[in-house]
């Protein structure tokens, strides 16, 4: 087991936003909290689900970021792959060199 922290970023279609938020909240053994913000998806692989998205030319999405241990990130992704199979969630993990709370 490694103690290297990573920032796991998930790009979530707007229609799955609340479901993913609820799911992550249920994974309390791996996830102590997360940050979410609005994102606009662009590109050939991005699906535009609504008429508004087609007019705007981008997909309304949420970007969710979770700071976890690298091994926990792997376990969390394994769970997400099962629970959200076929949803085309985009993800990446980046090393975190420093993490803390300024009190």
PDB file of N, CA and C in Angstrom:
ATOM      1  N   UNK A   1       0.848  -1.182   0.000  1.00  0.00           N
ATOM      2  CA  UNK A   1       0.000   0.000   0.000  1.00  0.00           C
ATOM      3  C   UNK A   1       0.887   1.235   0.000  1.00  0.00           C
ATOM      4  N   UNK A   2       0.541   2.171  -0.856  1.00  0.00           N
ATOM      5  CA  UNK A   2       1.299   3.406  -0.938  1.00  0.00           C
ATOM      6  C   UNK A   2       0.553   4.536  -0.235  1.00  0.00           C
ATOM      7  N   UNK A   3       1.313   5.460   0.343  1.00  0.00           N
ATOM      8  CA  UNK A   3       0.668   6.593   0.995  1.00  0.00           C
ATOM      9  C   UNK A   3       0.671   7.823   0.091  1.00  0.00           C
ATOM     10  N   UNK A   4       0.953   7.639  -1.197  1.00  0.00           N
ATOM     11  CA  UNK A   4       0.909   8.725  -2.170  1.00  0.00           C
ATOM     12  C   UNK A   4      -0.540   9.149  -2.396  1.00  0.00           C
ATOM     13  N   UNK A   5      -0.805  10.436  -2.219  1.00  0.00           N
ATOM     14  CA  UNK A   5      -2.140  10.956  -2.480  1.00  0.00           C
ATOM     15  C   UNK A   5      -2.257  11.339  -3.950  1.00  0.00           C
ATOM     16  N   UNK A   6      -3.466  11.170  -4.487  1.00  0.00           N
ATOM     17  CA  UNK A   6      -3.769  11.592  -5.844  1.00  0.00           C
ATOM     18  C   UNK A   6      -5.055  12.411  -5.815  1.00  0.00           C
ATOM     19  N   UNK A   7      -5.199  13.235  -6.827  1.00  0.00           N
ATOM     20  CA  UNK A   7      -6.458  13.932  -7.043  1.00  0.00           C
ATOM     21  C   UNK A   7      -7.160  13.187  -8.169  1.00  0.00           C
ATOM     22  N   UNK A   8      -8.243  12.504  -7.838  1.00  0.00           N
ATOM     23  CA  UNK A   8      -9.044  11.803  -8.824  1.00  0.00           C
ATOM     24  C   UNK A   8     -10.100  12.776  -9.324  1.00  0.00           C
ATOM     25  N   UNK A   9     -10.079  13.038 -10.617  1.00  0.00           N
ATOM     26  CA  UNK A   9     -11.033  13.944 -11.231  1.00  0.00           C
ATOM     27  C   UNK A   9     -11.994  13.139 -12.089  1.00  0.00           C
ATOM     28  N   UNK A  10     -13.285  13.389 -11.894  1.00  0.00           N
ATOM     29  CA  UNK A  10     -14.336  12.755 -12.693  1.00  0.00           C
ATOM     30  C   UNK A  10     -15.087  13.841 -13.452  1.00  0.00           C
ATOM     31  N   UNK A  11     -15.344  13.602 -14.723  1.00  0.00           N
ATOM     32  CA  UNK A  11     -16.183  14.489 -15.514  1.00  0.00           C
ATOM     33  C   UNK A  11     -17.516  13.777 -15.687  1.00  0.00           C
ATOM     34  N   UNK A  12     -18.563  14.405 -15.166  1.00  0.00           N
ATOM     35  CA  UNK A  12     -19.861  13.757 -15.036  1.00  0.00           C
ATOM     36  C   UNK A  12     -20.908  14.524 -15.845  1.00  0.00           C
ATOM     37  N   UNK A  13     -21.651  13.839 -16.720  1.00  0.00           N
ATOM     38  CA  UNK A  13     -22.751  14.509 -17.420  1.00  0.00           C
ATOM     39  C   UNK A  13     -23.753  15.072 -16.418  1.00  0.00           C
ATOM     40  N   UNK A  14     -24.323  16.209 -16.739  1.00  0.00           N
ATOM     41  CA  UNK A  14     -25.249  16.878 -15.828  1.00  0.00           C
ATOM     42  C   UNK A  14     -26.378  15.943 -15.364  1.00  0.00           C
ATOM     43  N   UNK A  15     -26.850  15.088 -16.260  1.00  0.00           N
ATOM     44  CA  UNK A  15     -27.975  14.205 -15.927  1.00  0.00           C
ATOM     45  C   UNK A  15     -27.610  13.174 -14.856  1.00  0.00           C
ATOM     46  N   UNK A  16     -26.305  12.920 -14.643  1.00  0.00           N
ATOM     47  CA  UNK A  16     -25.861  11.947 -13.635  1.00  0.00           C
ATOM     48  C   UNK A  16     -25.299  12.614 -12.383  1.00  0.00           C
ATOM     49  N   UNK A  17     -25.307  13.918 -12.364  1.00  0.00           N
ATOM     50  CA  UNK A  17     -24.654  14.694 -11.303  1.00  0.00           C
ATOM     51  C   UNK A  17     -25.079  14.241  -9.904  1.00  0.00           C
ATOM     52  N   UNK A  18     -26.349  14.308  -9.612  1.00  0.00           N
ATOM     53  CA  UNK A  18     -26.826  13.977  -8.257  1.00  0.00           C
ATOM     54  C   UNK A  18     -26.579  12.512  -7.922  1.00  0.00           C
ATOM     55  N   UNK A  19     -26.739  11.642  -8.904  1.00  0.00           N
ATOM     56  CA  UNK A  19     -26.510  10.212  -8.678  1.00  0.00           C
ATOM     57  C   UNK A  19     -25.046   9.944  -8.302  1.00  0.00           C
ATOM     58  N   UNK A  20     -24.122  10.605  -9.003  1.00  0.00           N
ATOM     59  CA  UNK A  20     -22.699  10.430  -8.692  1.00  0.00           C
ATOM     60  C   UNK A  20     -22.374  11.046  -7.332  1.00  0.00           C
ATOM     61  N   UNK A  21     -22.931  12.217  -7.039  1.00  0.00           N
ATOM     62  CA  UNK A  21     -22.699  12.836  -5.731  1.00  0.00           C
ATOM     63  C   UNK A  21     -23.165  11.906  -4.613  1.00  0.00           C
ATOM     64  N   UNK A  22     -24.361  11.363  -4.750  1.00  0.00           N
ATOM     65  CA  UNK A  22     -24.894  10.447  -3.737  1.00  0.00           C
ATOM     66  C   UNK A  22     -24.008   9.201  -3.628  1.00  0.00           C
ATOM     67  N   UNK A  23     -23.581   8.675  -4.767  1.00  0.00           N
ATOM     68  CA  UNK A  23     -22.750   7.483  -4.783  1.00  0.00           C
ATOM     69  C   UNK A  23     -21.435   7.729  -4.042  1.00  0.00           C
ATOM     70  N   UNK A  24     -20.790   8.847  -4.346  1.00  0.00           N
ATOM     71  CA  UNK A  24     -19.514   9.151  -3.674  1.00  0.00           C
ATOM     72  C   UNK A  24     -19.713   9.328  -2.174  1.00  0.00           C
ATOM     73  N   UNK A  25     -20.814   9.942  -1.777  1.00  0.00           N
ATOM     74  CA  UNK A  25     -21.095  10.116  -0.350  1.00  0.00           C
ATOM     75  C   UNK A  25     -21.263   8.767   0.349  1.00  0.00           C
ATOM     76  N   UNK A  26     -21.755   7.761  -0.374  1.00  0.00           N
ATOM     77  CA  UNK A  26     -21.935   6.420   0.190  1.00  0.00           C
ATOM     78  C   UNK A  26     -20.613   5.661   0.319  1.00  0.00           C
ATOM     79  N   UNK A  27     -19.572   6.108  -0.352  1.00  0.00           N
ATOM     80  CA  UNK A  27     -18.276   5.408  -0.341  1.00  0.00           C
ATOM     81  C   UNK A  27     -17.398   5.943   0.790  1.00  0.00           C
ATOM     82  N   UNK A  28     -17.961   6.062   1.966  1.00  0.00           N
ATOM     83  CA  UNK A  28     -17.285   6.715   3.084  1.00  0.00           C
ATOM     84  C   UNK A  28     -16.018   5.982   3.543  1.00  0.00           C
ATOM     85  N   UNK A  29     -15.863   4.719   3.184  1.00  0.00           N
ATOM     86  CA  UNK A  29     -14.641   4.017   3.543  1.00  0.00           C
ATOM     87  C   UNK A  29     -13.456   4.489   2.694  1.00  0.00           C
ATOM     88  N   UNK A  30     -13.733   5.111   1.540  1.00  0.00           N
ATOM     89  CA  UNK A  30     -12.674   5.595   0.656  1.00  0.00           C
ATOM     90  C   UNK A  30     -12.690   7.110   0.478  1.00  0.00           C
ATOM     91  N   UNK A  31     -13.862   7.705   0.540  1.00  0.00           N
ATOM     92  CA  UNK A  31     -14.030   9.128   0.229  1.00  0.00           C
ATOM     93  C   UNK A  31     -14.472   9.876   1.477  1.00  0.00           C
ATOM     94  N   UNK A  32     -13.651  10.830   1.927  1.00  0.00           N
ATOM     95  CA  UNK A  32     -14.037  11.625   3.099  1.00  0.00           C
ATOM     96  C   UNK A  32     -14.738  12.917   2.683  1.00  0.00           C
ATOM     97  N   UNK A  33     -14.663  13.255   1.429  1.00  0.00           N
ATOM     98  CA  UNK A  33     -15.314  14.446   0.899  1.00  0.00           C
ATOM     99  C   UNK A  33     -14.856  14.677  -0.532  1.00  0.00           C
ATOM    100  N   UNK A  34     -15.517  15.594  -1.212  1.00  0.00           N
ATOM    101  CA  UNK A  34     -15.139  15.901  -2.583  1.00  0.00           C
ATOM    102  C   UNK A  34     -15.574  17.315  -2.925  1.00  0.00           C
ATOM    103  N   UNK A  35     -15.026  17.826  -3.992  1.00  0.00           N
ATOM    104  CA  UNK A  35     -15.369  19.150  -4.484  1.00  0.00           C
ATOM    105  C   UNK A  35     -15.954  19.004  -5.877  1.00  0.00           C
ATOM    106  N   UNK A  36     -17.013  19.740  -6.147  1.00  0.00           N
ATOM    107  CA  UNK A  36     -17.635  19.684  -7.468  1.00  0.00           C
ATOM    108  C   UNK A  36     -17.806  21.098  -8.004  1.00  0.00           C
ATOM    109  N   UNK A  37     -17.640  21.228  -9.302  1.00  0.00           N
ATOM    110  CA  UNK A  37     -17.860  22.512  -9.956  1.00  0.00           C
ATOM    111  C   UNK A  37     -18.462  22.267 -11.325  1.00  0.00           C
ATOM    112  N   UNK A  38     -19.038  23.329 -11.886  1.00  0.00           N
ATOM    113  CA  UNK A  38     -19.632  23.235 -13.215  1.00  0.00           C
ATOM    114  C   UNK A  38     -18.530  23.181 -14.251  1.00  0.00           C
ATOM    115  N   UNK A  39     -18.758  22.413 -15.292  1.00  0.00           N
ATOM    116  CA  UNK A  39     -17.805  22.328 -16.395  1.00  0.00           C
ATOM    117  C   UNK A  39     -18.579  22.318 -17.705  1.00  0.00           C
ATOM    118  N   UNK A  40     -17.914  22.734 -18.757  1.00  0.00           N
ATOM    119  CA  UNK A  40     -18.501  22.720 -20.098  1.00  0.00           C
ATOM    120  C   UNK A  40     -17.641  21.821 -20.966  1.00  0.00           C
ATOM    121  N   UNK A  41     -18.214  20.711 -21.419  1.00  0.00           N
ATOM    122  CA  UNK A  41     -17.466  19.742 -22.206  1.00  0.00           C
ATOM    123  C   UNK A  41     -17.477  20.073 -23.687  1.00  0.00           C
ATOM    124  N   UNK A  42     -16.298  20.074 -24.284  1.00  0.00           N
ATOM    125  CA  UNK A  42     -16.136  20.357 -25.711  1.00  0.00           C
ATOM    126  C   UNK A  42     -15.367  19.214 -26.352  1.00  0.00           C
ATOM    127  N   UNK A  43     -15.596  18.970 -27.622  1.00  0.00           N
ATOM    128  CA  UNK A  43     -14.792  17.985 -28.351  1.00  0.00           C
ATOM    129  C   UNK A  43     -15.625  16.938 -29.049  1.00  0.00           C
ATOM    130  N   UNK A  44     -14.966  16.206 -29.922  1.00  0.00           N
ATOM    131  CA  UNK A  44     -15.630  15.209 -30.733  1.00  0.00           C
ATOM    132  C   UNK A  44     -16.211  14.046 -29.967  1.00  0.00           C
ATOM    133  N   UNK A  45     -15.652  13.728 -28.812  1.00  0.00           N
ATOM    134  CA  UNK A  45     -16.127  12.601 -28.008  1.00  0.00           C
ATOM    135  C   UNK A  45     -17.232  12.998 -27.028  1.00  0.00           C
ATOM    136  N   UNK A  46     -17.527  14.291 -26.928  1.00  0.00           N
ATOM    137  CA  UNK A  46     -18.523  14.778 -25.971  1.00  0.00           C
ATOM    138  C   UNK A  46     -19.915  14.647 -26.575  1.00  0.00           C
ATOM    139  N   UNK A  47     -20.818  14.032 -25.831  1.00  0.00           N
ATOM    140  CA  UNK A  47     -22.202  13.867 -26.282  1.00  0.00           C
ATOM    141  C   UNK A  47     -23.039  15.053 -25.817  1.00  0.00           C
ATOM    142  N   UNK A  48     -23.762  15.647 -26.759  1.00  0.00           N
ATOM    143  CA  UNK A  48     -24.663  16.750 -26.442  1.00  0.00           C
ATOM    144  C   UNK A  48     -26.066  16.160 -26.331  1.00  0.00           C
ATOM    145  N   UNK A  49     -26.587  16.078 -25.094  1.00  0.00           N
ATOM    146  CA  UNK A  49     -27.823  15.346 -24.822  1.00  0.00           C
ATOM    147  C   UNK A  49     -29.082  16.177 -25.009  1.00  0.00           C
ATOM    148  N   UNK A  50     -29.006  17.471 -24.818  1.00  0.00           N
ATOM    149  CA  UNK A  50     -30.218  18.286 -24.876  1.00  0.00           C
ATOM    150  C   UNK A  50     -30.137  19.277 -26.025  1.00  0.00           C
ATOM    151  N   UNK A  51     -31.306  19.819 -26.373  1.00  0.00           N
ATOM    152  CA  UNK A  51     -31.342  20.844 -27.427  1.00  0.00           C
ATOM    153  C   UNK A  51     -30.513  22.057 -27.002  1.00  0.00           C
ATOM    154  N   UNK A  52     -30.588  22.415 -25.724  1.00  0.00           N
ATOM    155  CA  UNK A  52     -29.815  23.564 -25.233  1.00  0.00           C
ATOM    156  C   UNK A  52     -28.316  23.328 -25.401  1.00  0.00           C
ATOM    157  N   UNK A  53     -27.860  22.111 -25.127  1.00  0.00           N
ATOM    158  CA  UNK A  53     -26.444  21.801 -25.297  1.00  0.00           C
ATOM    159  C   UNK A  53     -26.049  21.890 -26.768  1.00  0.00           C
ATOM    160  N   UNK A  54     -26.908  21.413 -27.650  1.00  0.00           N
ATOM    161  CA  UNK A  54     -26.593  21.484 -29.078  1.00  0.00           C
ATOM    162  C   UNK A  54     -26.516  22.932 -29.551  1.00  0.00           C
ATOM    163  N   UNK A  55     -27.393  23.791 -29.056  1.00  0.00           N
ATOM    164  CA  UNK A  55     -27.359  25.213 -29.417  1.00  0.00           C
ATOM    165  C   UNK A  55     -26.100  25.872 -28.851  1.00  0.00           C
ATOM    166  N   UNK A  56     -25.780  25.571 -27.600  1.00  0.00           N
ATOM    167  CA  UNK A  56     -24.609  26.159 -26.944  1.00  0.00           C
ATOM    168  C   UNK A  56     -23.312  25.620 -27.531  1.00  0.00           C
ATOM    169  N   UNK A  57     -23.340  24.395 -28.023  1.00  0.00           N
ATOM    170  CA  UNK A  57     -22.144  23.776 -28.576  1.00  0.00           C
ATOM    171  C   UNK A  57     -21.249  23.121 -27.546  1.00  0.00           C
ATOM    172  N   UNK A  58     -21.752  22.915 -26.344  1.00  0.00           N
ATOM    173  CA  UNK A  58     -20.996  22.197 -25.318  1.00  0.00           C
ATOM    174  C   UNK A  58     -21.965  21.473 -24.385  1.00  0.00           C
ATOM    175  N   UNK A  59     -21.420  20.466 -23.709  1.00  0.00           N
ATOM    176  CA  UNK A  59     -22.219  19.682 -22.765  1.00  0.00           C
ATOM    177  C   UNK A  59     -22.084  20.252 -21.361  1.00  0.00           C
ATOM    178  N   UNK A  60     -23.218  20.369 -20.684  1.00  0.00           N
ATOM    179  CA  UNK A  60     -23.196  20.768 -19.276  1.00  0.00           C
ATOM    180  C   UNK A  60     -22.744  19.570 -18.460  1.00  0.00           C
ATOM    181  N   UNK A  61     -21.682  19.757 -17.700  1.00  0.00           N
ATOM    182  CA  UNK A  61     -21.099  18.677 -16.932  1.00  0.00           C
ATOM    183  C   UNK A  61     -20.712  19.170 -15.542  1.00  0.00           C
ATOM    184  N   UNK A  62     -20.390  18.233 -14.689  1.00  0.00           N
ATOM    185  CA  UNK A  62     -19.807  18.548 -13.385  1.00  0.00           C
ATOM    186  C   UNK A  62     -18.398  17.968 -13.365  1.00  0.00           C
ATOM    187  N   UNK A  63     -17.488  18.719 -12.775  1.00  0.00           N
ATOM    188  CA  UNK A  63     -16.136  18.210 -12.540  1.00  0.00           C
ATOM    189  C   UNK A  63     -16.037  17.937 -11.043  1.00  0.00           C
ATOM    190  N   UNK A  64     -15.780  16.687 -10.701  1.00  0.00           N
ATOM    191  CA  UNK A  64     -15.707  16.261  -9.309  1.00  0.00           C
ATOM    192  C   UNK A  64     -14.266  15.886  -9.011  1.00  0.00           C
ATOM    193  N   UNK A  65     -13.743  16.419  -7.914  1.00  0.00           N
ATOM    194  CA  UNK A  65     -12.369  16.110  -7.524  1.00  0.00           C
ATOM    195  C   UNK A  65     -12.350  15.550  -6.109  1.00  0.00           C
ATOM    196  N   UNK A  66     -11.614  14.442  -5.974  1.00  0.00           N
ATOM    197  CA  UNK A  66     -11.490  13.734  -4.702  1.00  0.00           C
ATOM    198  C   UNK A  66     -10.007  13.536  -4.422  1.00  0.00           C
ATOM    199  N   UNK A  67      -9.560  13.903  -3.240  1.00  0.00           N
ATOM    200  CA  UNK A  67      -8.184  13.633  -2.823  1.00  0.00           C
ATOM    201  C   UNK A  67      -8.199  12.344  -2.006  1.00  0.00           C
ATOM    202  N   UNK A  68      -7.501  11.338  -2.513  1.00  0.00           N
ATOM    203  CA  UNK A  68      -7.470  10.024  -1.857  1.00  0.00           C
ATOM    204  C   UNK A  68      -6.087   9.418  -2.019  1.00  0.00           C
ATOM    205  N   UNK A  69      -5.821   8.380  -1.234  1.00  0.00           N
ATOM    206  CA  UNK A  69      -4.607   7.611  -1.441  1.00  0.00           C
ATOM    207  C   UNK A  69      -4.679   6.913  -2.796  1.00  0.00           C
ATOM    208  N   UNK A  70      -3.545   6.705  -3.416  1.00  0.00           N
ATOM    209  CA  UNK A  70      -3.515   6.101  -4.743  1.00  0.00           C
ATOM    210  C   UNK A  70      -4.216   4.747  -4.774  1.00  0.00           C
ATOM    211  N   UNK A  71      -3.968   3.905  -3.785  1.00  0.00           N
ATOM    212  CA  UNK A  71      -4.619   2.590  -3.728  1.00  0.00           C
ATOM    213  C   UNK A  71      -6.137   2.725  -3.589  1.00  0.00           C
ATOM    214  N   UNK A  72      -6.578   3.723  -2.808  1.00  0.00           N
ATOM    215  CA  UNK A  72      -8.013   3.957  -2.656  1.00  0.00           C
ATOM    216  C   UNK A  72      -8.622   4.470  -3.959  1.00  0.00           C
ATOM    217  N   UNK A  73      -7.851   5.240  -4.704  1.00  0.00           N
ATOM    218  CA  UNK A  73      -8.316   5.707  -6.008  1.00  0.00           C
ATOM    219  C   UNK A  73      -8.585   4.526  -6.938  1.00  0.00           C
ATOM    220  N   UNK A  74      -7.695   3.558  -6.920  1.00  0.00           N
ATOM    221  CA  UNK A  74      -7.866   2.359  -7.743  1.00  0.00           C
ATOM    222  C   UNK A  74      -9.119   1.598  -7.330  1.00  0.00           C
ATOM    223  N   UNK A  75      -9.312   1.434  -6.028  1.00  0.00           N
ATOM    224  CA  UNK A  75     -10.505   0.735  -5.528  1.00  0.00           C
ATOM    225  C   UNK A  75     -11.782   1.498  -5.883  1.00  0.00           C
ATOM    226  N   UNK A  76     -11.745   2.814  -5.720  1.00  0.00           N
ATOM    227  CA  UNK A  76     -12.915   3.631  -6.036  1.00  0.00           C
ATOM    228  C   UNK A  76     -13.247   3.545  -7.529  1.00  0.00           C
ATOM    229  N   UNK A  77     -12.238   3.619  -8.371  1.00  0.00           N
ATOM    230  CA  UNK A  77     -12.480   3.501  -9.814  1.00  0.00           C
ATOM    231  C   UNK A  77     -13.056   2.137 -10.173  1.00  0.00           C
ATOM    232  N   UNK A  78     -12.587   1.083  -9.521  1.00  0.00           N
ATOM    233  CA  UNK A  78     -13.145  -0.252  -9.765  1.00  0.00           C
ATOM    234  C   UNK A  78     -14.638  -0.271  -9.445  1.00  0.00           C
ATOM    235  N   UNK A  79     -15.021   0.350  -8.336  1.00  0.00           N
ATOM    236  CA  UNK A  79     -16.438   0.405  -7.954  1.00  0.00           C
ATOM    237  C   UNK A  79     -17.242   1.244  -8.951  1.00  0.00           C
ATOM    238  N   UNK A  80     -16.684   2.381  -9.335  1.00  0.00           N
ATOM    239  CA  UNK A  80     -17.374   3.268 -10.278  1.00  0.00           C
ATOM    240  C   UNK A  80     -17.578   2.560 -11.620  1.00  0.00           C
ATOM    241  N   UNK A  81     -16.577   1.812 -12.061  1.00  0.00           N
ATOM    242  CA  UNK A  81     -16.704   1.075 -13.334  1.00  0.00           C
ATOM    243  C   UNK A  81     -17.889   0.110 -13.309  1.00  0.00           C
ATOM    244  N   UNK A  82     -18.138  -0.499 -12.164  1.00  0.00           N
ATOM    245  CA  UNK A  82     -19.264  -1.426 -12.033  1.00  0.00           C
ATOM    246  C   UNK A  82     -20.584  -0.655 -11.937  1.00  0.00           C
ATOM    247  N   UNK A  83     -20.623   0.337 -11.081  1.00  0.00           N
ATOM    248  CA  UNK A  83     -21.871   1.061 -10.815  1.00  0.00           C
ATOM    249  C   UNK A  83     -22.292   1.988 -11.946  1.00  0.00           C
ATOM    250  N   UNK A  84     -21.351   2.479 -12.722  1.00  0.00           N
ATOM    251  CA  UNK A  84     -21.663   3.434 -13.786  1.00  0.00           C
ATOM    252  C   UNK A  84     -21.214   2.927 -15.157  1.00  0.00           C
ATOM    253  N   UNK A  85     -21.242   1.614 -15.333  1.00  0.00           N
ATOM    254  CA  UNK A  85     -20.865   1.018 -16.619  1.00  0.00           C
ATOM    255  C   UNK A  85     -21.723   1.604 -17.737  1.00  0.00           C
ATOM    256  N   UNK A  86     -21.090   1.930 -18.843  1.00  0.00           N
ATOM    257  CA  UNK A  86     -21.805   2.437 -20.010  1.00  0.00           C
ATOM    258  C   UNK A  86     -22.112   3.914 -20.002  1.00  0.00           C
ATOM    259  N   UNK A  87     -21.735   4.623 -18.955  1.00  0.00           N
ATOM    260  CA  UNK A  87     -22.077   6.049 -18.863  1.00  0.00           C
ATOM    261  C   UNK A  87     -21.014   6.966 -19.458  1.00  0.00           C
ATOM    262  N   UNK A  88     -19.874   6.414 -19.817  1.00  0.00           N
ATOM    263  CA  UNK A  88     -18.795   7.170 -20.445  1.00  0.00           C
ATOM    264  C   UNK A  88     -18.245   8.296 -19.543  1.00  0.00           C
ATOM    265  N   UNK A  89     -18.200   8.035 -18.233  1.00  0.00           N
ATOM    266  CA  UNK A  89     -17.573   9.000 -17.332  1.00  0.00           C
ATOM    267  C   UNK A  89     -16.097   9.108 -17.699  1.00  0.00           C
ATOM    268  N   UNK A  90     -15.613  10.313 -17.731  1.00  0.00           N
ATOM    269  CA  UNK A  90     -14.200  10.563 -18.006  1.00  0.00           C
ATOM    270  C   UNK A  90     -13.507  10.769 -16.664  1.00  0.00           C
ATOM    271  N   UNK A  91     -12.287  10.254 -16.526  1.00  0.00           N
ATOM    272  CA  UNK A  91     -11.554  10.433 -15.267  1.00  0.00           C
ATOM    273  C   UNK A  91     -10.068  10.542 -15.549  1.00  0.00           C
ATOM    274  N   UNK A  92      -9.374  11.119 -14.587  1.00  0.00           N
ATOM    275  CA  UNK A  92      -7.912  11.069 -14.564  1.00  0.00           C
ATOM    276  C   UNK A  92      -7.461  11.271 -13.129  1.00  0.00           C
ATOM    277  N   UNK A  93      -6.255  10.822 -12.851  1.00  0.00           N
ATOM    278  CA  UNK A  93      -5.678  10.981 -11.517  1.00  0.00           C
ATOM    279  C   UNK A  93      -4.330  11.669 -11.659  1.00  0.00           C
ATOM    280  N   UNK A  94      -4.080  12.632 -10.795  1.00  0.00           N
ATOM    281  CA  UNK A  94      -2.810  13.345 -10.794  1.00  0.00           C
ATOM    282  C   UNK A  94      -2.208  13.284  -9.394  1.00  0.00           C
ATOM    283  N   UNK A  95      -0.885  13.183  -9.305  1.00  0.00           N
ATOM    284  CA  UNK A  95      -0.239  13.150  -7.997  1.00  0.00           C
ATOM    285  C   UNK A  95      -0.482  14.455  -7.223  1.00  0.00           C
ATOM    286  N   UNK A  96      -0.633  14.338  -5.933  1.00  0.00           N
ATOM    287  CA  UNK A  96      -0.775  15.500  -5.054  1.00  0.00           C
ATOM    288  C   UNK A  96       0.494  15.595  -4.224  1.00  0.00           C
ATOM    289  N   UNK A  97       1.225  16.680  -4.378  1.00  0.00           N
ATOM    290  CA  UNK A  97       2.498  16.826  -3.664  1.00  0.00           C
ATOM    291  C   UNK A  97       2.313  17.397  -2.254  1.00  0.00           C
ATOM    292  N   UNK A  98       1.200  18.073  -2.036  1.00  0.00           N
ATOM    293  CA  UNK A  98       0.930  18.654  -0.724  1.00  0.00           C
ATOM    294  C   UNK A  98      -0.571  18.797  -0.568  1.00  0.00           C
ATOM    295  N   UNK A  99      -1.070  18.514   0.623  1.00  0.00           N
ATOM    296  CA  UNK A  99      -2.506  18.631   0.884  1.00  0.00           C
ATOM    297  C   UNK A  99      -2.696  18.916   2.367  1.00  0.00           C
ATOM    298  N   UNK A 100      -3.558  19.848   2.668  1.00  0.00           N
ATOM    299  CA  UNK A 100      -3.812  20.161   4.063  1.00  0.00           C
ATOM    300  C   UNK A 100      -4.945  21.156   4.199  1.00  0.00           C
ATOM    301  N   UNK A 101      -5.174  21.583   5.408  1.00  0.00           N
ATOM    302  CA  UNK A 101      -6.210  22.586   5.716  1.00  0.00           C
ATOM    303  C   UNK A 101      -5.534  23.722   6.447  1.00  0.00           C
ATOM    304  N   UNK A 102      -5.742  24.919   5.967  1.00  0.00           N
ATOM    305  CA  UNK A 102      -5.211  26.094   6.642  1.00  0.00           C
ATOM    306  C   UNK A 102      -6.248  26.509   7.671  1.00  0.00           C
ATOM    307  N   UNK A 103      -5.875  26.397   8.938  1.00  0.00           N
ATOM    308  CA  UNK A 103      -6.807  26.633  10.030  1.00  0.00           C
ATOM    309  C   UNK A 103      -6.571  27.995  10.654  1.00  0.00           C
TER     310      UNK A 103
END
